[in-house]
Amino acid sequence: MLIPGRHMNRLPIFFLTILLFCSGLIDGQTIQFKKYTNQVYKLSFDIPNYWAIKYSKLQNGVICVPVTNQENEIYRNCFEGIVFRINFYRTALDSALINEGSYTKTGDTYYTSDRFSDSIKAKNINGKNWKGIYHRNVCGISCKENGFHAAAGQCDFLYLSNGSTTICINTNGRQFDNKVLKRLISSFKFN
């Protein structure tokens, strides 16, 4: 028999323990990845299983889209159903960035701008047979329900180059999860 007051102070501790245990399980879930390979540009990198990369006639280019209901729900309203876009350049990194028109270079460091700053510093990154840059910008997003928001997005930009080919991966207003970003960079290679 439960005597009121005697065991009642243990209930909050019990529920807090259950909550912490369950949140640890959710946090501890691992993301399953699959390899994307592009035979034309001879490169590959890993993306989560819940995304797919395809050519889009509507977008006139290669895009990454969600493939599960949960991911579709995230990207449907404000991100046009697009996780990221891929652009390919048959040129070295410096040429690709200069041709973009929104980068300046001081020494070995590139700078760009976004809706708030004219001097966003890009981080230099490199892999086994490539070098590149990474930066995150404040960017605009268009939402179906309430229109365009000039500074509501976070766009990640990755430029990766082997000296003759450069690839640009840029998110469509929603930044990468850190685990996904790290895996994409660490798995990227020119074949």
Protein backbone atom coordinates (compact mmCIF):
# COMPACT_ATOMS: atom_id res chain seq x y z
CA MET A 1 0.00 0.00 0.00
CA LEU A 2 1.28 3.41 -0.96
CA ILE A 3 1.20 5.89 1.87
CA PRO A 4 0.64 9.45 0.59
CA GLY A 5 3.69 11.64 1.04
CA ARG A 6 6.02 8.81 1.92
CA HIS A 7 6.99 7.68 -1.62
CA MET A 8 5.67 10.66 -3.54
CA ASN A 9 9.05 12.43 -3.51
CA ARG A 10 10.56 9.46 -5.38
CA LEU A 11 8.16 9.80 -8.36
CA PRO A 12 9.78 12.93 -9.83
CA ILE A 13 13.22 11.29 -9.58
CA PHE A 14 11.87 8.13 -11.22
CA PHE A 15 10.31 10.07 -14.12
CA LEU A 16 13.40 12.26 -14.50
CA THR A 17 15.55 9.12 -14.73
CA ILE A 18 13.26 7.63 -17.40
CA LEU A 19 13.29 10.91 -19.34
CA LEU A 20 17.09 11.18 -19.25
CA PHE A 21 17.46 7.54 -20.29
CA CYS A 22 15.07 7.93 -23.23
CA SER A 23 16.63 11.20 -24.41
CA GLY A 24 20.02 9.49 -24.27
CA LEU A 25 18.71 6.76 -26.54
CA ILE A 26 17.35 9.30 -29.00
CA ASP A 27 20.56 11.36 -28.95
CA GLY A 28 22.65 8.22 -29.27
CA GLN A 29 20.92 7.08 -32.43
CA THR A 30 23.37 6.75 -35.26
CA ILE A 31 22.76 8.05 -38.73
CA GLN A 32 23.03 5.43 -41.45
CA PHE A 33 24.91 6.60 -44.53
CA LYS A 34 25.19 5.56 -48.16
CA LYS A 35 27.72 6.50 -50.80
CA TYR A 36 26.88 8.84 -53.66
CA THR A 37 29.12 8.33 -56.70
CA ASN A 38 29.28 10.56 -59.75
CA GLN A 39 30.90 8.70 -62.68
CA VAL A 40 31.09 11.77 -64.94
CA TYR A 41 33.14 13.88 -62.51
CA LYS A 42 34.71 10.84 -60.82
CA LEU A 43 33.91 11.70 -57.21
CA SER A 44 32.07 10.23 -54.26
CA PHE A 45 30.89 11.14 -50.77
CA ASP A 46 28.50 9.87 -48.12
CA ILE A 47 24.98 11.15 -47.44
CA PRO A 48 22.34 9.94 -44.97
CA ASN A 49 20.13 7.04 -46.12
CA TYR A 50 17.11 9.32 -45.85
CA TRP A 51 18.35 11.54 -48.75
CA ALA A 52 18.79 10.89 -52.47
CA ILE A 53 20.73 12.77 -55.14
CA LYS A 54 19.17 13.14 -58.57
CA TYR A 55 19.09 15.34 -61.64
CA SER A 56 16.15 17.76 -61.66
CA LYS A 57 14.89 19.10 -64.96
CA LEU A 58 12.91 21.74 -63.05
CA GLN A 59 16.03 22.91 -61.18
CA ASN A 60 18.23 22.36 -64.25
CA GLY A 61 20.84 20.61 -62.16
CA VAL A 62 21.73 18.02 -59.56
CA ILE A 63 19.94 18.25 -56.21
CA CYS A 64 19.63 16.26 -53.01
CA VAL A 65 16.10 15.56 -51.79
CA PRO A 66 14.61 13.86 -48.73
CA VAL A 67 13.10 10.40 -49.25
CA THR A 68 11.33 9.71 -45.94
CA ASN A 69 8.08 11.25 -44.67
CA GLN A 70 9.86 12.74 -41.66
CA GLU A 71 12.54 14.43 -43.80
CA ASN A 72 9.96 15.52 -46.39
CA GLU A 73 8.05 17.27 -43.62
CA ILE A 74 11.18 19.21 -42.62
CA TYR A 75 12.04 20.38 -46.15
CA ARG A 76 8.59 20.79 -47.72
CA ASN A 77 7.42 24.22 -46.54
CA CYS A 78 10.44 26.56 -46.58
CA PHE A 79 13.20 24.74 -48.48
CA GLU A 80 11.40 23.80 -51.72
CA GLY A 81 11.88 20.13 -50.87
CA ILE A 82 15.62 20.49 -51.57
CA VAL A 83 18.37 19.61 -49.08
CA PHE A 84 21.24 20.88 -51.23
CA ARG A 85 22.30 21.67 -54.77
CA ILE A 86 25.47 20.52 -56.51
CA ASN A 87 27.32 22.57 -59.11
CA PHE A 88 30.27 21.21 -61.08
CA TYR A 89 33.10 23.24 -62.58
CA ARG A 90 35.80 21.97 -64.94
CA THR A 91 38.34 24.28 -63.36
CA ALA A 92 40.56 24.69 -60.28
CA LEU A 93 39.24 26.00 -56.96
CA ASP A 94 40.60 29.54 -57.36
CA SER A 95 39.08 29.92 -60.82
CA ALA A 96 35.71 28.53 -59.72
CA LEU A 97 35.51 30.90 -56.74
CA ILE A 98 36.65 33.97 -58.70
CA ASN A 99 34.14 33.13 -61.46
CA GLU A 100 31.37 32.98 -58.85
CA GLY A 101 31.97 36.71 -58.34
CA SER A 102 31.16 36.72 -54.63
CA TYR A 103 34.58 35.77 -53.24
CA THR A 104 37.74 37.71 -52.53
CA LYS A 105 41.08 36.22 -51.53
CA THR A 106 43.66 37.54 -49.08
CA GLY A 107 46.71 35.29 -48.85
CA ASP A 108 45.34 31.75 -48.62
CA THR A 109 41.99 32.83 -47.16
CA TYR A 110 38.75 33.40 -49.01
CA TYR A 111 36.07 35.83 -47.89
CA THR A 112 32.47 36.19 -49.00
CA SER A 113 29.40 38.09 -47.85
CA ASP A 114 25.88 37.37 -46.69
CA ARG A 115 22.85 39.44 -45.70
CA PHE A 116 24.63 40.86 -42.61
CA SER A 117 28.36 40.89 -43.24
CA ASP A 118 30.76 41.69 -46.07
CA SER A 119 33.58 39.61 -44.60
CA ILE A 120 32.55 36.02 -43.93
CA LYS A 121 35.78 34.06 -43.62
CA ALA A 122 35.77 30.68 -45.33
CA LYS A 123 37.48 27.81 -43.54
CA ASN A 124 40.14 25.97 -45.55
CA ILE A 125 39.49 22.22 -45.64
CA ASN A 126 41.31 19.36 -47.36
CA GLY A 127 41.22 15.66 -47.92
CA LYS A 128 43.38 12.91 -49.36
CA ASN A 129 43.38 14.21 -52.94
CA TRP A 130 41.55 17.52 -52.73
CA LYS A 131 41.44 20.94 -51.08
CA GLY A 132 38.56 23.31 -50.59
CA ILE A 133 36.68 25.79 -48.44
CA TYR A 134 33.63 25.75 -46.19
CA HIS A 135 31.46 28.57 -44.84
CA ARG A 136 27.96 29.15 -43.50
CA ASN A 137 25.97 32.22 -44.54
CA VAL A 138 22.73 33.80 -43.46
CA CYS A 139 20.47 33.44 -46.48
CA GLY A 140 16.90 33.93 -47.61
CA ILE A 141 14.23 31.23 -47.75
CA SER A 142 10.84 31.08 -49.43
CA CYS A 143 8.07 29.46 -47.42
CA LYS A 144 4.83 28.30 -49.01
CA GLU A 145 2.74 29.46 -46.08
CA ASN A 146 4.14 32.95 -45.49
CA GLY A 147 6.43 33.95 -48.37
CA PHE A 148 10.03 35.09 -48.60
CA HIS A 149 12.18 35.68 -45.51
CA ALA A 150 15.35 37.57 -46.40
CA ALA A 151 17.48 36.39 -43.47
CA ALA A 152 15.74 33.33 -42.01
CA GLY A 153 17.98 30.65 -43.52
CA GLN A 154 21.41 29.20 -42.83
CA CYS A 155 23.17 28.11 -46.03
CA ASP A 156 26.26 25.92 -45.94
CA PHE A 157 28.72 26.14 -48.83
CA LEU A 158 31.37 23.52 -49.58
CA TYR A 159 33.78 23.90 -52.50
CA LEU A 160 36.02 20.87 -53.05
CA SER A 161 38.63 20.62 -55.81
CA ASN A 162 41.32 18.28 -57.12
CA GLY A 163 42.95 21.06 -59.17
CA SER A 164 41.06 20.47 -62.40
CA THR A 165 37.50 19.82 -61.20
CA THR A 166 35.65 21.72 -58.48
CA ILE A 167 32.33 20.78 -56.93
CA CYS A 168 30.10 23.15 -54.96
CA ILE A 169 27.58 21.73 -52.50
CA ASN A 170 25.27 24.36 -51.04
CA THR A 171 22.30 23.82 -48.78
CA ASN A 172 18.96 25.36 -49.66
CA GLY A 173 18.43 27.42 -46.50
CA ARG A 174 18.84 24.75 -43.82
CA GLN A 175 22.32 24.07 -42.48
CA PHE A 176 23.76 20.57 -42.26
CA ASP A 177 23.60 18.65 -39.01
CA ASN A 178 27.20 18.63 -37.67
CA LYS A 179 27.49 14.82 -37.89
CA VAL A 180 26.31 14.88 -41.50
CA LEU A 181 28.67 17.74 -42.41
CA LYS A 182 31.68 15.99 -40.86
CA ARG A 183 30.85 12.70 -42.60
CA LEU A 184 30.34 14.38 -45.98
CA ILE A 185 33.72 16.13 -45.74
CA SER A 186 35.64 13.15 -44.35
CA SER A 187 34.21 10.74 -46.94
CA PHE A 188 34.63 13.02 -49.96
CA LYS A 189 37.13 11.93 -52.59
CA PHE A 190 37.92 12.20 -56.25
CA ASN A 191 38.23 8.67 -57.64
